[in-house]
Amino acid sequence: MIKKAQLKLTAEWDKTFPKSENVNHSKVTFVNRYGITLAADMYEPKNAQGKLPAIAVSGPFGAVKEQCSGLYAQTMAEKGYLTIAFDPSFTGESGGEPRYMASPDINTEDFMAAVDFLSLCDKVDAERIGIIGICGWGGMAINTAALDTRIKATVASTMYDMTRVNANGYFDSEDSEEARFAKKQAMCAQRLEDLRSGEYKPGGGVVDPLPDDAPFFVRDYHDYYKTERGYHPRSLNSNNGWNVVGCQSFINQPILKYSNEIRSAVMVLHGDKAHSCYFGKDAYANMTKDSKFTDNKELVLIPGASHTDLYDGGATGAIPFDKLDEFFKKYLG
């Protein structure tokens, strides 16, 4: 039996969304193959009978399960799925030291460990498991689908490819050897500063107060993470962010290399007004290029929706939950 560390789990409802009366909510934990214990909220349809299809949800990158991943999980549970929304390693209520680190490998493993947990849950049909990744976890979800043959259906919502944005900058504006060298040089210097000081320097979360000249996507993030709409005290983006060196390994570890070998179903969901839409469009194009498995791949663009509109629906209820339900029902049976 793999031992799980004891975590402090919040007992009271502390989500950024209202609690549904149609599902049962509980806290669960599971361990990944690195021995890190992960914390999750489980949502189970009330009066459910028999073994259920299940979905694991995580993201956005720098958020916690009390924010939009929990909203996705609770809403899909209302539609008949057993779901979990989990905090990744080193963040939220999950274990892992030092805090506020990220890893393409470990974070992909987090999703696989969630599939492990669901596969062994006596309430779940292990042949009907899907995953949803939001923002940076959309890219992780696709990467996991390329590795984990147990996953039958994947949704990447308002996705980022975190390896691409770390290596190339936003909109690929820093895609040069010189720019990457400067980033690596600065991070290597920061590593020594952290060791001398005895603590990791935080990179800072979403900027606040908002500068007058802030670009639209920064305003979009601020409107979610720094207001009552989405602020949460454990969220990295709402507070001090990742460590400066927290995402260093993303620079030279692309995560979507074998996405065109994914045999299971994948939906890439994006707002067509999102600054990040190029990640979704390119991920879909790469996933279907020279692939034998294109019939079950979809790119769904939501007219007028920004990046964070697919976090919580925004002002117009932009998340097409009925379409997600249709997709998962088709491929999870």
Protein backbone atom coordinates (compact mmCIF):
# COMPACT_ATOMS: atom_id res chain seq x y z
CA MET A 1 0.00 0.00 0.00
CA ILE A 2 1.40 3.39 -1.00
CA LYS A 3 1.38 5.72 2.00
CA LYS A 4 -0.29 9.11 1.73
CA ALA A 5 0.90 12.16 3.64
CA GLN A 6 -1.57 13.84 5.96
CA LEU A 7 -2.80 17.11 4.51
CA LYS A 8 -4.77 19.93 6.05
CA LEU A 9 -8.05 20.01 4.16
CA THR A 10 -10.55 22.83 4.56
CA ALA A 11 -13.83 21.50 5.94
CA GLU A 12 -16.13 24.42 5.11
CA TRP A 13 -17.30 25.38 1.62
CA ASP A 14 -14.78 27.97 0.41
CA LYS A 15 -15.33 27.94 -3.37
CA THR A 16 -15.75 30.90 -5.70
CA PHE A 17 -19.05 29.40 -6.93
CA PRO A 18 -22.28 28.38 -5.13
CA LYS A 19 -22.71 24.86 -3.82
CA SER A 20 -25.11 22.70 -5.81
CA GLU A 21 -27.93 20.94 -4.00
CA ASN A 22 -27.93 18.21 -6.66
CA VAL A 23 -24.54 16.67 -5.87
CA ASN A 24 -22.72 15.30 -2.84
CA HIS A 25 -19.36 16.93 -2.11
CA SER A 26 -16.45 15.39 -0.20
CA LYS A 27 -12.70 15.71 0.14
CA VAL A 28 -10.40 12.96 -1.11
CA THR A 29 -6.65 12.46 -1.44
CA PHE A 30 -4.45 10.29 -3.63
CA VAL A 31 -0.73 9.89 -4.25
CA ASN A 32 1.24 10.28 -7.47
CA ARG A 33 4.20 8.13 -8.43
CA TYR A 34 6.62 10.65 -6.92
CA GLY A 35 5.03 10.12 -3.50
CA ILE A 36 3.29 13.51 -3.46
CA THR A 37 -0.18 13.44 -1.93
CA LEU A 38 -2.75 15.39 -3.91
CA ALA A 39 -5.94 16.91 -2.52
CA ALA A 40 -9.19 16.91 -4.47
CA ASP A 41 -12.86 17.76 -4.17
CA MET A 42 -15.13 14.92 -5.25
CA TYR A 43 -18.56 15.68 -6.68
CA GLU A 44 -21.05 12.83 -6.94
CA PRO A 45 -24.59 13.03 -8.35
CA LYS A 46 -27.17 12.51 -5.61
CA ASN A 47 -29.10 9.25 -5.79
CA ALA A 48 -26.59 7.86 -8.30
CA GLN A 49 -26.74 4.10 -8.81
CA GLY A 50 -24.24 1.68 -10.26
CA LYS A 51 -20.78 2.50 -11.52
CA LEU A 52 -20.54 5.96 -13.07
CA PRO A 53 -18.49 7.55 -15.83
CA ALA A 54 -15.88 9.81 -14.25
CA ILE A 55 -13.95 12.97 -15.08
CA ALA A 56 -10.82 14.47 -13.47
CA VAL A 57 -10.44 18.24 -13.75
CA SER A 58 -7.56 20.62 -13.07
CA GLY A 59 -6.43 24.14 -13.92
CA PRO A 60 -5.91 26.91 -14.67
CA PHE A 61 -2.15 27.17 -14.29
CA GLY A 62 -1.69 28.93 -10.95
CA ALA A 63 -5.29 28.46 -9.81
CA VAL A 64 -6.78 26.11 -7.20
CA LYS A 65 -9.62 23.62 -7.22
CA GLU A 66 -11.87 26.08 -5.39
CA GLN A 67 -11.96 28.21 -8.54
CA CYS A 68 -13.03 27.20 -12.03
CA SER A 69 -11.89 23.55 -12.04
CA GLY A 70 -14.31 22.98 -9.18
CA LEU A 71 -17.06 24.74 -11.13
CA TYR A 72 -16.47 22.46 -14.12
CA ALA A 73 -16.39 19.39 -11.86
CA GLN A 74 -19.56 20.27 -9.96
CA THR A 75 -21.47 21.15 -13.13
CA MET A 76 -20.49 17.90 -14.86
CA ALA A 77 -21.51 15.98 -11.71
CA GLU A 78 -24.93 17.58 -12.01
CA LYS A 79 -25.06 15.96 -15.46
CA GLY A 80 -24.40 12.49 -14.09
CA TYR A 81 -20.62 12.04 -13.84
CA LEU A 82 -18.56 11.35 -10.76
CA THR A 83 -15.91 14.06 -10.86
CA ILE A 84 -12.86 15.26 -8.99
CA ALA A 85 -11.18 18.67 -9.15
CA PHE A 86 -7.63 18.45 -7.82
CA ASP A 87 -4.82 20.77 -6.81
CA PRO A 88 -1.56 19.99 -8.64
CA SER A 89 1.64 19.12 -6.79
CA PHE A 90 3.24 21.98 -4.83
CA THR A 91 0.07 24.11 -4.86
CA GLY A 92 -3.21 24.62 -3.01
CA GLU A 93 -4.04 21.94 -0.46
CA SER A 94 -1.87 19.33 -2.18
CA GLY A 95 1.53 18.25 -0.92
CA GLY A 96 4.98 18.76 -2.36
CA GLU A 97 7.94 20.85 -1.21
CA PRO A 98 9.16 23.42 -1.95
CA ARG A 99 5.91 25.21 -2.72
CA TYR A 100 4.91 26.95 -5.95
CA MET A 101 7.00 24.87 -8.32
CA ALA A 102 5.85 23.36 -11.62
CA SER A 103 7.13 20.54 -13.81
CA PRO A 104 5.95 19.25 -17.21
CA ASP A 105 6.64 15.71 -16.01
CA ILE A 106 5.25 15.89 -12.47
CA ASN A 107 2.16 17.83 -13.52
CA THR A 108 1.40 15.30 -16.28
CA GLU A 109 1.84 12.60 -13.64
CA ASP A 110 -0.68 14.45 -11.44
CA PHE A 111 -3.35 13.89 -14.09
CA MET A 112 -2.34 10.23 -14.44
CA ALA A 113 -2.53 9.79 -10.67
CA ALA A 114 -6.05 11.22 -10.78
CA VAL A 115 -6.90 8.57 -13.38
CA ASP A 116 -5.35 5.95 -11.07
CA PHE A 117 -7.61 7.12 -8.26
CA LEU A 118 -10.75 7.08 -10.38
CA SER A 119 -9.87 3.69 -11.91
CA LEU A 120 -9.73 2.11 -8.44
CA CYS A 121 -12.78 3.93 -7.05
CA ASP A 122 -15.60 1.43 -6.49
CA LYS A 123 -18.17 4.00 -7.66
CA VAL A 124 -16.51 4.42 -11.08
CA ASP A 125 -16.61 2.42 -14.29
CA ALA A 126 -12.87 2.28 -15.05
CA GLU A 127 -13.60 1.94 -18.77
CA ARG A 128 -15.34 5.33 -18.83
CA ILE A 129 -12.85 7.94 -17.60
CA GLY A 130 -12.21 11.37 -19.10
CA ILE A 131 -10.27 14.49 -18.14
CA ILE A 132 -10.71 18.25 -18.45
CA GLY A 133 -7.75 20.63 -18.37
CA ILE A 134 -8.22 24.39 -18.20
CA CYS A 135 -5.72 27.05 -19.35
CA GLY A 136 -2.18 25.70 -18.80
CA TRP A 137 -3.71 22.44 -17.69
CA GLY A 138 -5.38 22.15 -21.09
CA GLY A 139 -1.93 21.56 -22.56
CA MET A 140 -1.14 19.15 -19.71
CA ALA A 141 -4.40 17.30 -20.43
CA ILE A 142 -3.47 16.79 -24.08
CA ASN A 143 0.01 15.67 -23.04
CA THR A 144 -1.55 13.20 -20.59
CA ALA A 145 -3.95 11.88 -23.24
CA ALA A 146 -0.93 11.16 -25.44
CA LEU A 147 0.55 9.04 -22.65
CA ASP A 148 -2.38 7.48 -20.76
CA THR A 149 -4.32 4.93 -22.80
CA ARG A 150 -6.97 4.58 -20.07
CA ILE A 151 -8.37 8.03 -20.88
CA LYS A 152 -11.28 7.79 -23.30
CA ALA A 153 -12.06 11.51 -23.77
CA THR A 154 -10.23 14.79 -23.10
CA VAL A 155 -11.33 18.41 -23.13
CA ALA A 156 -8.71 21.18 -23.26
CA SER A 157 -10.53 24.41 -22.39
CA THR A 158 -9.06 27.89 -23.11
CA MET A 159 -5.70 26.14 -23.21
CA TYR A 160 -2.12 27.30 -22.96
CA ASP A 161 0.93 25.33 -24.04
CA MET A 162 3.06 26.28 -21.04
CA THR A 163 6.26 24.99 -22.62
CA ARG A 164 5.72 27.19 -25.68
CA VAL A 165 4.90 30.35 -23.76
CA ASN A 166 7.88 29.89 -21.43
CA ALA A 167 10.25 29.24 -24.32
CA ASN A 168 8.86 31.73 -26.85
CA GLY A 169 7.05 34.36 -24.79
CA TYR A 170 3.51 35.55 -25.43
CA PHE A 171 2.51 35.44 -29.10
CA ASP A 172 5.97 33.93 -29.83
CA SER A 173 7.45 37.43 -29.47
CA GLU A 174 10.62 36.06 -27.81
CA ASP A 175 11.21 33.08 -30.08
CA SER A 176 14.96 33.40 -30.55
CA GLU A 177 18.08 31.77 -29.20
CA GLU A 178 19.19 35.11 -27.74
CA ALA A 179 15.93 35.67 -25.84
CA ARG A 180 15.92 32.13 -24.48
CA PHE A 181 19.56 32.43 -23.41
CA ALA A 182 18.78 35.62 -21.50
CA LYS A 183 15.88 33.91 -19.70
CA LYS A 184 17.99 30.91 -18.77
CA GLN A 185 20.84 33.13 -17.63
CA ALA A 186 18.53 35.16 -15.38
CA MET A 187 16.98 32.04 -13.86
CA CYS A 188 20.34 30.44 -13.17
CA ALA A 189 21.42 33.61 -11.38
CA GLN A 190 18.16 33.57 -9.41
CA ARG A 191 18.82 30.01 -8.27
CA LEU A 192 21.98 31.18 -6.47
CA GLU A 193 20.21 34.20 -4.98
CA ASP A 194 17.54 31.88 -3.60
CA LEU A 195 20.14 29.60 -2.04
CA ARG A 196 21.94 32.54 -0.45
CA SER A 197 18.74 34.00 0.96
CA GLY A 198 17.35 30.67 2.07
CA GLU A 199 14.00 31.18 0.33
CA TYR A 200 12.56 31.15 -3.16
CA LYS A 201 11.68 34.54 -4.61
CA PRO A 202 8.05 34.69 -5.80
CA GLY A 203 7.44 35.86 -9.34
CA GLY A 204 4.29 37.79 -8.46
CA GLY A 205 0.75 36.88 -9.44
CA VAL A 206 -1.62 38.92 -11.57
CA VAL A 207 -0.59 42.58 -11.40
CA ASP A 208 -2.58 44.73 -8.96
CA PRO A 209 -3.36 47.59 -9.07
CA LEU A 210 -3.95 47.43 -12.80
CA PRO A 211 -1.79 49.88 -14.81
CA ASP A 212 -3.62 52.24 -17.14
CA ASP A 213 -1.75 50.84 -20.13
CA ALA A 214 -2.30 47.17 -19.25
CA PRO A 215 -3.03 45.04 -22.36
CA PHE A 216 -6.43 43.41 -22.69
CA PHE A 217 -5.32 39.94 -21.60
CA VAL A 218 -3.84 41.34 -18.36
CA ARG A 219 -7.13 43.14 -17.71
CA ASP A 220 -8.95 39.88 -18.43
CA TYR A 221 -6.90 38.05 -15.80
CA HIS A 222 -7.28 40.87 -13.29
CA ASP A 223 -11.05 40.81 -13.72
CA TYR A 224 -11.06 37.18 -12.63
CA TYR A 225 -8.24 36.65 -10.15
CA LYS A 226 -8.24 40.01 -8.35
CA THR A 227 -11.97 40.56 -7.90
CA GLU A 228 -14.77 38.82 -6.01
CA ARG A 229 -15.51 36.96 -9.22
CA GLY A 230 -12.54 34.61 -8.85
CA TYR A 231 -10.18 35.65 -6.03
CA HIS A 232 -9.12 32.86 -3.70
CA PRO A 233 -6.55 33.12 -0.88
CA ARG A 234 -4.74 29.91 -1.93
CA SER A 235 -4.58 30.79 -5.63
CA LEU A 236 -1.09 31.63 -6.89
CA ASN A 237 -2.42 33.93 -9.58
CA SER A 238 -4.57 35.77 -7.05
CA ASN A 239 -1.54 36.33 -4.81
CA ASN A 240 2.26 36.10 -5.19
CA GLY A 241 2.49 33.71 -8.13
CA TRP A 242 4.94 30.93 -8.90
CA ASN A 243 8.54 31.07 -7.75
CA VAL A 244 10.73 32.93 -10.24
CA VAL A 245 12.52 29.64 -10.99
CA GLY A 246 9.32 27.60 -10.67
CA CYS A 247 8.82 26.97 -14.38
CA GLN A 248 12.45 26.85 -15.55
CA SER A 249 12.29 23.33 -16.98
CA PHE A 250 9.39 24.26 -19.27
CA ILE A 251 11.76 26.21 -21.52
CA ASN A 252 13.27 23.17 -23.24
CA GLN A 253 10.63 20.46 -22.72
CA PRO A 254 7.83 20.73 -25.31
CA ILE A 255 4.79 18.75 -24.14
CA LEU A 256 2.72 18.24 -27.29
CA LYS A 257 5.22 16.43 -29.51
CA TYR A 258 3.22 13.19 -29.86
CA SER A 259 -0.29 14.66 -29.74
CA ASN A 260 -1.02 13.43 -33.27
CA GLU A 261 -0.75 9.87 -31.95
CA ILE A 262 -3.66 10.29 -29.51
CA ARG A 263 -6.23 7.64 -30.39
CA SER A 264 -8.89 8.72 -27.89
CA ALA A 265 -11.33 11.61 -28.34
CA VAL A 266 -10.16 15.20 -27.77
CA MET A 267 -12.09 18.46 -27.85
CA VAL A 268 -10.14 21.73 -27.92
CA LEU A 269 -12.47 24.47 -26.64
CA HIS A 270 -11.57 28.14 -26.96
CA GLY A 271 -13.09 31.61 -27.05
CA ASP A 272 -12.42 33.23 -30.42
CA LYS A 273 -11.62 36.56 -28.69
CA ALA A 274 -9.17 34.99 -26.24
CA HIS A 275 -5.58 36.20 -26.45
CA SER A 276 -4.63 32.54 -26.06
CA CYS A 277 -6.73 31.24 -28.95
CA TYR A 278 -3.62 30.63 -31.06
CA PHE A 279 -2.56 27.92 -28.58
CA GLY A 280 -5.82 26.04 -29.11
CA LYS A 281 -5.86 26.41 -32.88
CA ASP A 282 -2.25 25.30 -33.20
CA ALA A 283 -2.70 22.41 -30.76
CA TYR A 284 -5.64 21.13 -32.81
CA ALA A 285 -3.70 21.55 -36.08
CA ASN A 286 -0.69 19.68 -34.67
CA MET A 287 -2.91 16.95 -33.21
CA THR A 288 -4.57 16.25 -36.54
CA LYS A 289 -1.56 16.72 -38.86
CA ASP A 290 -0.38 13.40 -40.33
CA SER A 291 -2.67 11.61 -37.87
CA LYS A 292 -4.65 8.44 -38.42
CA PHE A 293 -7.00 9.38 -35.58
CA THR A 294 -8.80 12.56 -36.63
CA ASP A 295 -12.45 11.46 -36.64
CA ASN A 296 -12.80 11.96 -32.89
CA LYS A 297 -10.98 15.31 -32.66
CA GLU A 298 -12.85 18.63 -32.44
CA LEU A 299 -11.97 22.32 -32.35
CA VAL A 300 -14.84 24.34 -30.87
CA LEU A 301 -14.60 28.14 -30.93
CA ILE A 302 -17.01 30.17 -28.79
CA PRO A 303 -17.92 33.46 -30.54
CA GLY A 304 -17.04 36.57 -28.56
CA ALA A 305 -15.56 34.72 -25.58
CA SER A 306 -12.34 35.87 -23.92
CA HIS A 307 -9.80 33.65 -22.15
CA THR A 308 -11.38 33.92 -18.68
CA ASP A 309 -14.94 33.69 -20.01
CA LEU A 310 -14.24 29.96 -20.17
CA TYR A 311 -13.12 29.98 -16.53
CA ASP A 312 -16.57 30.69 -15.10
CA GLY A 313 -18.77 31.64 -18.04
CA GLY A 314 -18.14 35.37 -17.76
CA ALA A 315 -21.10 37.69 -18.21
CA THR A 316 -22.75 35.58 -20.90
CA GLY A 317 -22.46 32.01 -19.57
CA ALA A 318 -19.92 31.19 -22.29
CA ILE A 319 -18.99 27.66 -21.16
CA PRO A 320 -21.00 25.21 -23.32
CA PHE A 321 -21.60 22.61 -20.62
CA ASP A 322 -24.32 20.90 -22.65
CA LYS A 323 -21.82 20.43 -25.48
CA LEU A 324 -19.27 19.00 -23.04
CA ASP A 325 -21.92 16.62 -21.76
CA GLU A 326 -22.74 15.55 -25.33
CA PHE A 327 -19.04 14.97 -26.04
CA PHE A 328 -18.43 12.90 -22.92
CA LYS A 329 -21.63 10.91 -23.30
CA LYS A 330 -20.58 10.01 -26.86
CA TYR A 331 -17.10 8.83 -25.92
CA LEU A 332 -17.58 7.56 -22.36
CA GLY A 333 -20.76 5.70 -23.26
